[in-house]
Amino acid sequence: MNLTVFSGTFNPIHIAHLIIAETVKDELGLDKVTFIPAFCPPHRDRELANPDHRLNMVKIAIQDNPSFEISDIEFKRQEKSYTYLTIQDLFKKNPQISGKINFIIGSDAFKLIDTWYEAEKLAELLNFIIVIRPDNTEIGKLFENIKLKQFDFEIVKTPLLDISSSDIRRRIKKKKSIKYLVPRAVEEYIYDNNLYIQ
């Protein structure tokens, strides 16, 4: 069994997250992508919504796609969301996993991967799927960076979408529309629960 995970705060989850996951699934011929919302990221965002709300928004966003699933593995641990600990738990709970776990990550985050908690051990456990925009001109630097040579990775180009969770939160505070930036059901959930208004 192969496992592909997409981890993040998803604060909130938006259309670009879903397109990234769908593109990776298609490009690599995967059956499933597992979304893992972070319970308590090490570098906590001051605007981070309640973990349960973020978990619910991911559930709502992916409910119509049979190729997407969600894991609440970090919520069960109730600790800081270090990727290494989460990956360890995934291997323990899924002994049928063969080889490394595929881990979807943006190119900016991957550049700092050697600074992550237990980075050397992560290199033994993960195959990084680096998602880049088609206009990315710095991808060659990833191959040249000696600090990154210990990590297995492959690159997937995703559609050019300038959407971010932080911009969505700003728009909500300014009472601007977020229509088409998030799935309709997620938009309704945000407003029904008065998220990101302060």
N, C-alpha and C. Protein backbone atom coordinates (compact mmCIF):
# COMPACT_ATOMS: atom_id res chain seq x y z
N MET A 1 0.84 -1.20 0.00
CA MET A 1 0.00 0.00 0.00
C MET A 1 0.87 1.25 0.00
N ASN A 2 0.54 2.20 -0.88
CA ASN A 2 1.21 3.50 -0.89
C ASN A 2 0.29 4.53 -0.26
N LEU A 3 0.88 5.50 0.43
CA LEU A 3 0.09 6.54 1.08
C LEU A 3 0.61 7.90 0.65
N THR A 4 -0.31 8.78 0.28
CA THR A 4 0.05 10.15 -0.10
C THR A 4 -0.70 11.10 0.82
N VAL A 5 0.03 11.96 1.50
CA VAL A 5 -0.61 12.86 2.46
C VAL A 5 -0.40 14.32 2.07
N PHE A 6 -1.39 15.11 2.41
CA PHE A 6 -1.36 16.56 2.21
C PHE A 6 -1.66 17.17 3.57
N SER A 7 -0.62 17.68 4.21
CA SER A 7 -0.74 18.21 5.56
C SER A 7 -0.71 19.73 5.54
N GLY A 8 -1.45 20.34 6.45
CA GLY A 8 -1.45 21.80 6.52
C GLY A 8 -2.40 22.29 7.59
N THR A 9 -2.38 23.60 7.83
CA THR A 9 -3.33 24.16 8.79
C THR A 9 -4.71 24.25 8.16
N PHE A 10 -4.77 24.46 6.84
CA PHE A 10 -6.05 24.60 6.13
C PHE A 10 -6.92 25.61 6.88
N ASN A 11 -6.43 26.85 6.89
CA ASN A 11 -6.99 27.90 7.76
C ASN A 11 -7.48 29.12 6.99
N PRO A 12 -8.48 29.00 6.10
CA PRO A 12 -9.28 27.79 5.82
C PRO A 12 -8.76 27.05 4.58
N ILE A 13 -9.28 25.84 4.36
CA ILE A 13 -9.01 25.13 3.12
C ILE A 13 -9.65 25.92 1.98
N HIS A 14 -8.99 25.94 0.80
CA HIS A 14 -9.53 26.70 -0.32
C HIS A 14 -9.37 25.93 -1.63
N ILE A 15 -9.84 26.54 -2.70
CA ILE A 15 -9.89 25.88 -4.00
C ILE A 15 -8.50 25.45 -4.47
N ALA A 16 -7.47 26.28 -4.22
CA ALA A 16 -6.12 25.92 -4.66
C ALA A 16 -5.63 24.64 -3.98
N HIS A 17 -5.95 24.46 -2.70
CA HIS A 17 -5.57 23.21 -2.01
C HIS A 17 -6.16 22.01 -2.75
N LEU A 18 -7.43 22.12 -3.11
CA LEU A 18 -8.12 21.00 -3.77
C LEU A 18 -7.55 20.74 -5.16
N ILE A 19 -7.23 21.80 -5.88
CA ILE A 19 -6.66 21.63 -7.22
C ILE A 19 -5.27 21.03 -7.14
N ILE A 20 -4.48 21.44 -6.15
CA ILE A 20 -3.15 20.84 -5.95
C ILE A 20 -3.28 19.34 -5.72
N ALA A 21 -4.16 18.95 -4.81
CA ALA A 21 -4.33 17.52 -4.50
C ALA A 21 -4.81 16.74 -5.72
N GLU A 22 -5.74 17.30 -6.47
CA GLU A 22 -6.27 16.62 -7.65
C GLU A 22 -5.20 16.50 -8.74
N THR A 23 -4.39 17.55 -8.91
CA THR A 23 -3.33 17.53 -9.91
C THR A 23 -2.28 16.48 -9.55
N VAL A 24 -1.87 16.44 -8.29
CA VAL A 24 -0.89 15.44 -7.84
C VAL A 24 -1.44 14.03 -8.06
N LYS A 25 -2.69 13.83 -7.71
CA LYS A 25 -3.33 12.52 -7.89
C LYS A 25 -3.28 12.09 -9.36
N ASP A 26 -3.63 13.00 -10.25
CA ASP A 26 -3.65 12.68 -11.68
C ASP A 26 -2.25 12.47 -12.24
N GLU A 27 -1.34 13.37 -11.90
CA GLU A 27 0.02 13.31 -12.46
C GLU A 27 0.77 12.05 -12.02
N LEU A 28 0.53 11.62 -10.80
CA LEU A 28 1.25 10.46 -10.26
C LEU A 28 0.43 9.17 -10.33
N GLY A 29 -0.80 9.27 -10.84
CA GLY A 29 -1.64 8.08 -10.97
C GLY A 29 -2.02 7.47 -9.63
N LEU A 30 -2.37 8.32 -8.68
CA LEU A 30 -2.70 7.85 -7.33
C LEU A 30 -4.18 7.51 -7.21
N ASP A 31 -4.49 6.62 -6.27
CA ASP A 31 -5.89 6.31 -5.98
C ASP A 31 -6.47 7.28 -4.95
N LYS A 32 -5.64 7.66 -3.99
CA LYS A 32 -6.13 8.47 -2.86
C LYS A 32 -5.12 9.54 -2.47
N VAL A 33 -5.65 10.64 -1.95
CA VAL A 33 -4.85 11.65 -1.26
C VAL A 33 -5.49 11.85 0.11
N THR A 34 -4.66 11.77 1.16
CA THR A 34 -5.17 11.91 2.53
C THR A 34 -4.81 13.29 3.08
N PHE A 35 -5.83 14.06 3.40
CA PHE A 35 -5.63 15.39 4.00
C PHE A 35 -5.45 15.22 5.51
N ILE A 36 -4.41 15.89 6.04
CA ILE A 36 -4.15 15.83 7.48
C ILE A 36 -4.09 17.25 8.04
N PRO A 37 -5.20 17.75 8.58
CA PRO A 37 -5.16 19.08 9.21
C PRO A 37 -4.26 19.07 10.45
N ALA A 38 -3.44 20.11 10.57
CA ALA A 38 -2.56 20.22 11.74
C ALA A 38 -3.37 20.61 12.96
N PHE A 39 -3.15 19.90 14.05
CA PHE A 39 -3.86 20.23 15.29
C PHE A 39 -3.29 21.50 15.92
N CYS A 40 -1.98 21.50 16.13
CA CYS A 40 -1.32 22.66 16.75
C CYS A 40 0.06 22.82 16.12
N PRO A 41 0.15 23.57 15.01
CA PRO A 41 1.43 23.72 14.32
C PRO A 41 2.49 24.35 15.22
N PRO A 42 3.77 23.95 15.07
CA PRO A 42 4.84 24.48 15.92
C PRO A 42 4.95 26.01 15.86
N HIS A 43 4.72 26.57 14.65
CA HIS A 43 4.75 28.03 14.50
C HIS A 43 3.31 28.50 14.37
N ARG A 44 2.67 28.64 15.50
CA ARG A 44 1.23 28.90 15.52
C ARG A 44 0.89 30.28 14.97
N ASP A 45 -0.08 30.30 14.07
CA ASP A 45 -0.61 31.53 13.49
C ASP A 45 -1.59 32.15 14.49
N ARG A 46 -1.46 33.45 14.72
CA ARG A 46 -2.37 34.12 15.66
C ARG A 46 -3.82 34.05 15.19
N GLU A 47 -4.01 33.91 13.88
CA GLU A 47 -5.37 33.88 13.33
C GLU A 47 -5.86 32.45 13.10
N LEU A 48 -5.25 31.50 13.77
CA LEU A 48 -5.60 30.10 13.56
C LEU A 48 -6.97 29.79 14.16
N ALA A 49 -7.86 29.31 13.32
CA ALA A 49 -9.20 28.95 13.79
C ALA A 49 -9.13 27.72 14.69
N ASN A 50 -10.14 27.55 15.50
CA ASN A 50 -10.27 26.37 16.36
C ASN A 50 -10.01 25.10 15.55
N PRO A 51 -9.22 24.15 16.09
CA PRO A 51 -8.90 22.93 15.34
C PRO A 51 -10.13 22.19 14.82
N ASP A 52 -11.17 22.11 15.63
CA ASP A 52 -12.37 21.39 15.19
C ASP A 52 -13.03 22.05 13.99
N HIS A 53 -13.01 23.38 13.95
CA HIS A 53 -13.57 24.08 12.80
C HIS A 53 -12.76 23.77 11.54
N ARG A 54 -11.43 23.77 11.68
CA ARG A 54 -10.59 23.50 10.51
C ARG A 54 -10.78 22.07 10.02
N LEU A 55 -10.90 21.14 10.96
CA LEU A 55 -11.16 19.75 10.60
C LEU A 55 -12.49 19.63 9.86
N ASN A 56 -13.52 20.29 10.38
CA ASN A 56 -14.84 20.23 9.75
C ASN A 56 -14.83 20.83 8.35
N MET A 57 -14.08 21.93 8.17
CA MET A 57 -14.04 22.56 6.85
C MET A 57 -13.38 21.65 5.81
N VAL A 58 -12.34 20.93 6.23
CA VAL A 58 -11.71 19.99 5.30
C VAL A 58 -12.69 18.87 4.95
N LYS A 59 -13.37 18.34 5.95
CA LYS A 59 -14.36 17.28 5.69
C LYS A 59 -15.40 17.74 4.68
N ILE A 60 -15.89 18.96 4.87
CA ILE A 60 -16.91 19.51 3.97
C ILE A 60 -16.34 19.69 2.56
N ALA A 61 -15.12 20.21 2.48
CA ALA A 61 -14.52 20.53 1.18
C ALA A 61 -14.28 19.30 0.32
N ILE A 62 -13.96 18.16 0.94
CA ILE A 62 -13.58 16.98 0.16
C ILE A 62 -14.68 15.94 0.06
N GLN A 63 -15.84 16.21 0.65
CA GLN A 63 -16.87 15.17 0.78
C GLN A 63 -17.38 14.62 -0.56
N ASP A 64 -17.27 15.40 -1.63
CA ASP A 64 -17.79 14.94 -2.92
C ASP A 64 -16.74 14.26 -3.80
N ASN A 65 -15.51 14.14 -3.30
CA ASN A 65 -14.44 13.55 -4.10
C ASN A 65 -14.03 12.21 -3.48
N PRO A 66 -14.38 11.09 -4.10
CA PRO A 66 -14.05 9.77 -3.53
C PRO A 66 -12.55 9.49 -3.47
N SER A 67 -11.76 10.29 -4.18
CA SER A 67 -10.30 10.10 -4.15
C SER A 67 -9.64 10.83 -2.99
N PHE A 68 -10.41 11.65 -2.29
CA PHE A 68 -9.88 12.39 -1.15
C PHE A 68 -10.42 11.80 0.15
N GLU A 69 -9.55 11.74 1.16
CA GLU A 69 -9.98 11.32 2.49
C GLU A 69 -9.29 12.19 3.52
N ILE A 70 -9.76 12.10 4.75
CA ILE A 70 -9.20 12.93 5.81
C ILE A 70 -8.75 12.04 6.97
N SER A 71 -7.67 12.46 7.62
CA SER A 71 -7.19 11.78 8.82
C SER A 71 -7.15 12.80 9.96
N ASP A 72 -7.68 12.41 11.11
CA ASP A 72 -7.62 13.27 12.29
C ASP A 72 -6.53 12.79 13.25
N ILE A 73 -5.50 12.20 12.70
CA ILE A 73 -4.44 11.57 13.49
C ILE A 73 -3.78 12.56 14.45
N GLU A 74 -3.62 13.83 14.03
CA GLU A 74 -2.98 14.81 14.90
C GLU A 74 -3.93 15.26 16.01
N PHE A 75 -5.22 15.17 15.77
CA PHE A 75 -6.20 15.55 16.79
C PHE A 75 -6.23 14.52 17.91
N LYS A 76 -6.00 13.27 17.55
CA LYS A 76 -5.99 12.21 18.56
C LYS A 76 -4.77 12.35 19.48
N ARG A 77 -3.68 12.88 18.93
CA ARG A 77 -2.46 13.02 19.73
C ARG A 77 -2.53 14.24 20.64
N GLN A 78 -3.24 15.29 20.22
CA GLN A 78 -3.44 16.49 21.04
C GLN A 78 -2.12 17.13 21.49
N GLU A 79 -1.14 17.15 20.58
CA GLU A 79 0.16 17.75 20.88
C GLU A 79 0.54 18.67 19.74
N LYS A 80 1.72 19.28 19.87
CA LYS A 80 2.24 20.06 18.75
C LYS A 80 2.35 19.17 17.53
N SER A 81 2.06 19.73 16.37
CA SER A 81 1.95 18.92 15.14
C SER A 81 3.29 18.82 14.41
N TYR A 82 4.23 18.11 15.00
CA TYR A 82 5.49 17.87 14.31
C TYR A 82 5.28 16.78 13.27
N THR A 83 5.70 17.05 12.04
CA THR A 83 5.49 16.11 10.95
C THR A 83 6.09 14.75 11.25
N TYR A 84 7.27 14.74 11.86
CA TYR A 84 7.93 13.46 12.14
C TYR A 84 7.05 12.56 13.02
N LEU A 85 6.45 13.14 14.05
CA LEU A 85 5.60 12.34 14.95
C LEU A 85 4.36 11.83 14.23
N THR A 86 3.80 12.67 13.36
CA THR A 86 2.62 12.26 12.59
C THR A 86 2.96 11.11 11.65
N ILE A 87 4.09 11.21 10.98
CA ILE A 87 4.50 10.16 10.04
C ILE A 87 4.78 8.86 10.79
N GLN A 88 5.42 8.96 11.94
CA GLN A 88 5.63 7.77 12.77
C GLN A 88 4.30 7.09 13.10
N ASP A 89 3.33 7.90 13.51
CA ASP A 89 2.00 7.36 13.85
C ASP A 89 1.34 6.70 12.64
N LEU A 90 1.51 7.31 11.47
CA LEU A 90 0.90 6.74 10.25
C LEU A 90 1.48 5.36 9.94
N PHE A 91 2.78 5.22 10.09
CA PHE A 91 3.41 3.91 9.85
C PHE A 91 2.93 2.87 10.87
N LYS A 92 2.78 3.30 12.13
CA LYS A 92 2.31 2.37 13.16
C LYS A 92 0.89 1.90 12.90
N LYS A 93 0.04 2.84 12.47
CA LYS A 93 -1.38 2.52 12.27
C LYS A 93 -1.64 1.84 10.93
N ASN A 94 -0.66 1.92 10.02
CA ASN A 94 -0.82 1.33 8.68
C ASN A 94 0.39 0.45 8.35
N PRO A 95 0.52 -0.70 9.00
CA PRO A 95 1.70 -1.55 8.77
C PRO A 95 1.80 -2.07 7.34
N GLN A 96 0.70 -1.94 6.59
CA GLN A 96 0.71 -2.42 5.21
C GLN A 96 1.36 -1.42 4.24
N ILE A 97 1.77 -0.24 4.74
CA ILE A 97 2.44 0.73 3.87
C ILE A 97 3.74 0.14 3.37
N SER A 98 3.95 0.22 2.06
CA SER A 98 5.21 -0.27 1.48
C SER A 98 6.02 0.93 1.00
N GLY A 99 7.26 0.99 1.41
CA GLY A 99 8.13 2.09 0.99
C GLY A 99 7.84 3.37 1.75
N LYS A 100 8.22 4.48 1.13
CA LYS A 100 8.06 5.78 1.77
C LYS A 100 6.66 6.34 1.55
N ILE A 101 6.26 7.20 2.45
CA ILE A 101 4.99 7.93 2.30
C ILE A 101 5.24 9.14 1.40
N ASN A 102 4.34 9.37 0.45
CA ASN A 102 4.41 10.57 -0.37
C ASN A 102 3.89 11.75 0.44
N PHE A 103 4.62 12.86 0.42
CA PHE A 103 4.26 14.02 1.23
C PHE A 103 4.21 15.25 0.34
N ILE A 104 3.01 15.78 0.13
CA ILE A 104 2.84 16.96 -0.73
C ILE A 104 3.30 18.20 0.02
N ILE A 105 4.11 19.02 -0.66
CA ILE A 105 4.68 20.21 0.00
C ILE A 105 4.95 21.28 -1.05
N GLY A 106 4.83 22.55 -0.67
CA GLY A 106 5.16 23.65 -1.57
C GLY A 106 6.67 23.85 -1.64
N SER A 107 7.12 24.47 -2.71
CA SER A 107 8.57 24.63 -2.90
C SER A 107 9.18 25.54 -1.83
N ASP A 108 8.45 26.56 -1.38
CA ASP A 108 8.99 27.45 -0.34
C ASP A 108 9.22 26.70 0.96
N ALA A 109 8.26 25.84 1.33
CA ALA A 109 8.41 25.05 2.56
C ALA A 109 9.53 24.03 2.41
N PHE A 110 9.66 23.45 1.21
CA PHE A 110 10.68 22.42 1.02
C PHE A 110 12.09 22.99 1.15
N LYS A 111 12.27 24.24 0.77
CA LYS A 111 13.59 24.87 0.89
C LYS A 111 14.07 24.88 2.33
N LEU A 112 13.14 24.83 3.27
CA LEU A 112 13.49 24.88 4.70
C LEU A 112 13.39 23.52 5.38
N ILE A 113 13.21 22.47 4.60
CA ILE A 113 12.93 21.15 5.16
C ILE A 113 14.05 20.65 6.07
N ASP A 114 15.28 21.07 5.79
CA ASP A 114 16.40 20.61 6.61
C ASP A 114 16.36 21.22 8.02
N THR A 115 15.49 22.21 8.25
CA THR A 115 15.37 22.83 9.58
C THR A 115 14.23 22.21 10.39
N TRP A 116 13.47 21.30 9.78
CA TRP A 116 12.32 20.70 10.47
C TRP A 116 12.79 19.74 11.56
N TYR A 117 11.93 19.52 12.53
CA TYR A 117 12.19 18.58 13.62
C TYR A 117 12.47 17.19 13.05
N GLU A 118 13.60 16.61 13.44
CA GLU A 118 14.02 15.27 13.00
C GLU A 118 14.08 15.16 11.47
N ALA A 119 14.66 16.18 10.84
CA ALA A 119 14.69 16.22 9.37
C ALA A 119 15.40 15.01 8.76
N GLU A 120 16.49 14.57 9.38
CA GLU A 120 17.23 13.43 8.82
C GLU A 120 16.39 12.16 8.84
N LYS A 121 15.60 11.99 9.88
CA LYS A 121 14.73 10.81 9.94
C LYS A 121 13.58 10.93 8.94
N LEU A 122 13.10 12.15 8.74
CA LEU A 122 12.05 12.36 7.73
C LEU A 122 12.56 11.97 6.35
N ALA A 123 13.84 12.21 6.09
CA ALA A 123 14.42 11.86 4.80
C ALA A 123 14.33 10.36 4.54
N GLU A 124 14.34 9.58 5.60
CA GLU A 124 14.26 8.12 5.45
C GLU A 124 12.83 7.63 5.27
N LEU A 125 11.86 8.47 5.65
CA LEU A 125 10.46 8.03 5.68
C LEU A 125 9.59 8.59 4.57
N LEU A 126 10.03 9.71 3.97
CA LEU A 126 9.16 10.43 3.04
C LEU A 126 9.75 10.60 1.65
N ASN A 127 8.87 10.56 0.67
CA ASN A 127 9.17 11.01 -0.68
C ASN A 127 8.38 12.31 -0.87
N PHE A 128 9.08 13.42 -1.02
CA PHE A 128 8.42 14.71 -1.09
C PHE A 128 7.91 15.00 -2.50
N ILE A 129 6.64 15.35 -2.58
CA ILE A 129 6.03 15.76 -3.84
C ILE A 129 5.98 17.28 -3.80
N ILE A 130 6.91 17.92 -4.50
CA ILE A 130 6.99 19.38 -4.47
C ILE A 130 6.07 19.95 -5.54
N VAL A 131 5.11 20.76 -5.10
CA VAL A 131 4.20 21.38 -6.06
C VAL A 131 4.70 22.79 -6.35
N ILE A 132 4.81 23.09 -7.64
CA ILE A 132 5.28 24.41 -8.05
C ILE A 132 4.32 24.99 -9.08
N ARG A 133 4.31 26.31 -9.15
CA ARG A 133 3.51 26.98 -10.16
C ARG A 133 4.27 26.95 -11.48
N PRO A 134 3.57 26.99 -12.61
CA PRO A 134 4.24 26.91 -13.91
C PRO A 134 5.25 28.02 -14.15
N ASP A 135 5.09 29.17 -13.47
CA ASP A 135 6.00 30.30 -13.69
C ASP A 135 7.20 30.28 -12.74
N ASN A 136 7.36 29.21 -11.97
CA ASN A 136 8.46 29.12 -11.01
C ASN A 136 9.79 29.03 -11.75
N THR A 137 10.68 29.97 -11.45
CA THR A 137 11.99 30.00 -12.13
C THR A 137 13.13 29.56 -11.22
N GLU A 138 12.82 29.19 -9.98
CA GLU A 138 13.87 28.86 -9.02
C GLU A 138 14.01 27.37 -8.78
N ILE A 139 13.31 26.55 -9.57
CA ILE A 139 13.30 25.12 -9.27
C ILE A 139 14.69 24.50 -9.39
N GLY A 140 15.52 25.03 -10.30
CA GLY A 140 16.87 24.51 -10.45
C GLY A 140 17.68 24.61 -9.17
N LYS A 141 17.39 25.63 -8.37
CA LYS A 141 18.13 25.83 -7.13
C LYS A 141 17.88 24.70 -6.13
N LEU A 142 16.71 24.08 -6.21
CA LEU A 142 16.42 22.96 -5.31
C LEU A 142 17.38 21.81 -5.57
N PHE A 143 17.68 21.57 -6.85
CA PHE A 143 18.58 20.48 -7.20
C PHE A 143 20.03 20.80 -6.82
N GLU A 144 20.35 22.09 -6.76
CA GLU A 144 21.73 22.50 -6.46
C GLU A 144 22.00 22.61 -4.96
N ASN A 145 20.95 22.72 -4.17
CA ASN A 145 21.11 22.94 -2.73
C ASN A 145 21.61 21.66 -2.05
N ILE A 146 22.83 21.70 -1.58
CA ILE A 146 23.46 20.51 -1.00
C ILE A 146 22.70 20.02 0.24
N LYS A 147 22.05 20.94 0.97
CA LYS A 147 21.31 20.55 2.18
C LYS A 147 20.10 19.68 1.85
N LEU A 148 19.62 19.77 0.61
CA LEU A 148 18.41 19.05 0.23
C LEU A 148 18.70 17.72 -0.46
N LYS A 149 19.97 17.43 -0.68
CA LYS A 149 20.33 16.23 -1.46
C LYS A 149 19.95 14.93 -0.75
N GLN A 150 19.81 14.97 0.58
CA GLN A 150 19.47 13.74 1.32
C GLN A 150 18.00 13.37 1.16
N PHE A 151 17.18 14.29 0.63
CA PHE A 151 15.73 14.07 0.54
C PHE A 151 15.33 13.59 -0.85
N ASP A 152 14.48 12.55 -0.88
CA ASP A 152 13.90 12.11 -2.14
C ASP A 152 12.74 13.03 -2.48
N PHE A 153 12.73 13.53 -3.72
CA PHE A 153 11.61 14.38 -4.09
C PHE A 153 11.36 14.33 -5.59
N GLU A 154 10.13 14.61 -5.96
CA GLU A 154 9.76 14.79 -7.35
C GLU A 154 8.89 16.03 -7.45
N ILE A 155 8.80 16.57 -8.66
CA ILE A 155 8.15 17.85 -8.85
C ILE A 155 6.89 17.70 -9.68
N VAL A 156 5.83 18.37 -9.24
CA VAL A 156 4.57 18.39 -9.99
C VAL A 156 4.19 19.85 -10.20
N LYS A 157 3.96 20.21 -11.46
CA LYS A 157 3.52 21.57 -11.77
C LYS A 157 2.01 21.65 -11.64
N THR A 158 1.56 22.68 -10.94
CA THR A 158 0.12 22.85 -10.71
C THR A 158 -0.35 24.14 -11.38
N PRO A 159 -1.65 24.27 -11.63
CA PRO A 159 -2.16 25.49 -12.27
C PRO A 159 -1.81 26.75 -11.48
N LEU A 160 -1.71 27.85 -12.20
CA LEU A 160 -1.34 29.13 -11.61
C LEU A 160 -2.56 29.75 -10.92
N LEU A 161 -2.61 29.64 -9.61
CA LEU A 161 -3.74 30.17 -8.84
C LEU A 161 -3.21 31.00 -7.68
N ASP A 162 -3.50 32.27 -7.69
CA ASP A 162 -3.01 33.16 -6.64
C ASP A 162 -4.05 33.27 -5.53
N ILE A 163 -4.19 32.17 -4.78
CA ILE A 163 -5.16 32.11 -3.68
C ILE A 163 -4.41 31.69 -2.42
N SER A 164 -4.66 32.40 -1.34
CA SER A 164 -4.02 32.02 -0.07
C SER A 164 -5.03 32.12 1.07
N SER A 165 -4.82 31.31 2.08
CA SER A 165 -5.70 31.34 3.26
C SER A 165 -5.64 32.70 3.94
N SER A 166 -4.44 33.28 4.00
CA SER A 166 -4.30 34.58 4.68
C SER A 166 -5.09 35.66 3.95
N ASP A 167 -5.10 35.62 2.62
CA ASP A 167 -5.87 36.60 1.85
C ASP A 167 -7.38 36.40 2.08
N ILE A 168 -7.80 35.15 2.13
CA ILE A 168 -9.21 34.86 2.40
C ILE A 168 -9.61 35.41 3.76
N ARG A 169 -8.77 35.22 4.76
CA ARG A 169 -9.08 35.75 6.10
C ARG A 169 -9.16 37.28 6.08
N ARG A 170 -8.25 37.91 5.34
CA ARG A 170 -8.28 39.38 5.23
C ARG A 170 -9.58 39.85 4.58
N ARG A 171 -9.99 39.13 3.53
CA ARG A 171 -11.21 39.51 2.82
C ARG A 171 -12.44 39.41 3.74
N ILE A 172 -12.46 38.36 4.56
CA ILE A 172 -13.58 38.20 5.49
C ILE A 172 -13.63 39.35 6.48
N LYS A 173 -12.47 39.73 7.01
CA LYS A 173 -12.42 40.84 7.97
C LYS A 173 -12.91 42.15 7.35
N LYS A 174 -12.60 42.32 6.06
CA LYS A 174 -13.00 43.55 5.36
C LYS A 174 -14.39 43.43 4.74
N LYS A 175 -15.07 42.31 5.05
CA LYS A 175 -16.42 42.06 4.55
C LYS A 175 -16.48 42.03 3.02
N LYS A 176 -15.42 41.47 2.42
CA LYS A 176 -15.38 41.27 0.98
C LYS A 176 -15.76 39.83 0.66
N SER A 177 -16.18 39.60 -0.57
CA SER A 177 -16.63 38.27 -0.98
C SER A 177 -15.47 37.27 -1.03
N ILE A 178 -15.77 36.04 -0.63
CA ILE A 178 -14.81 34.94 -0.81
C ILE A 178 -15.41 33.88 -1.74
N LYS A 179 -16.47 34.26 -2.42
CA LYS A 179 -17.11 33.35 -3.37
C LYS A 179 -16.10 32.90 -4.43
N TYR A 180 -16.10 31.61 -4.73
CA TYR A 180 -15.22 30.96 -5.71
C TYR A 180 -13.78 30.78 -5.21
N LEU A 181 -13.45 31.30 -4.04
CA LEU A 181 -12.12 31.07 -3.47
C LEU A 181 -12.12 29.82 -2.60
N VAL A 182 -13.27 29.53 -2.02
CA VAL A 182 -13.46 28.32 -1.21
C VAL A 182 -14.71 27.61 -1.74
N PRO A 183 -14.84 26.31 -1.49
CA PRO A 183 -16.07 25.63 -1.89
C PRO A 183 -17.28 26.30 -1.22
N ARG A 184 -18.41 26.26 -1.90
CA ARG A 184 -19.62 26.93 -1.40
C ARG A 184 -19.97 26.48 0.02
N ALA A 185 -19.89 25.18 0.29
CA ALA A 185 -20.24 24.67 1.62
C ALA A 185 -19.28 25.18 2.69
N VAL A 186 -18.01 25.38 2.32
CA VAL A 186 -17.03 25.92 3.27
C VAL A 186 -17.34 27.39 3.54
N GLU A 187 -17.68 28.12 2.49
CA GLU A 187 -18.07 29.52 2.66
C GLU A 187 -19.24 29.64 3.64
N GLU A 188 -20.24 28.81 3.46
CA GLU A 188 -21.40 28.84 4.36
C GLU A 188 -21.01 28.48 5.79
N TYR A 189 -20.11 27.51 5.94
CA TYR A 189 -19.66 27.10 7.28
C TYR A 189 -18.94 28.26 7.97
N ILE A 190 -18.09 28.96 7.22
CA ILE A 190 -17.34 30.09 7.79
C ILE A 190 -18.29 31.15 8.31
N TYR A 191 -19.28 31.50 7.51
CA TYR A 191 -20.22 32.56 7.92
C TYR A 191 -21.16 32.08 9.02
N ASP A 192 -21.59 30.83 8.95
CA ASP A 192 -22.48 30.30 9.99
C ASP A 192 -21.82 30.27 11.36
N ASN A 193 -20.48 30.11 11.35
CA ASN A 193 -19.74 30.00 12.62
C ASN A 193 -18.93 31.26 12.96
N ASN A 194 -19.17 32.32 12.18
CA ASN A 194 -18.52 33.62 12.45
C ASN A 194 -17.00 33.51 12.55
N LEU A 195 -16.41 32.75 11.63
CA LEU A 195 -14.95 32.56 11.65
C LEU A 195 -14.24 33.73 10.97
N TYR A 196 -13.08 34.06 11.50
CA TYR A 196 -12.15 35.03 10.91
C TYR A 196 -12.70 36.46 10.85
N ILE A 197 -13.71 36.78 11.63
CA ILE A 197 -14.29 38.12 11.52
C ILE A 197 -13.53 39.14 12.37
N GLN A 198 -12.69 38.67 13.31
CA GLN A 198 -11.94 39.60 14.15
C GLN A 198 -10.46 39.52 13.86
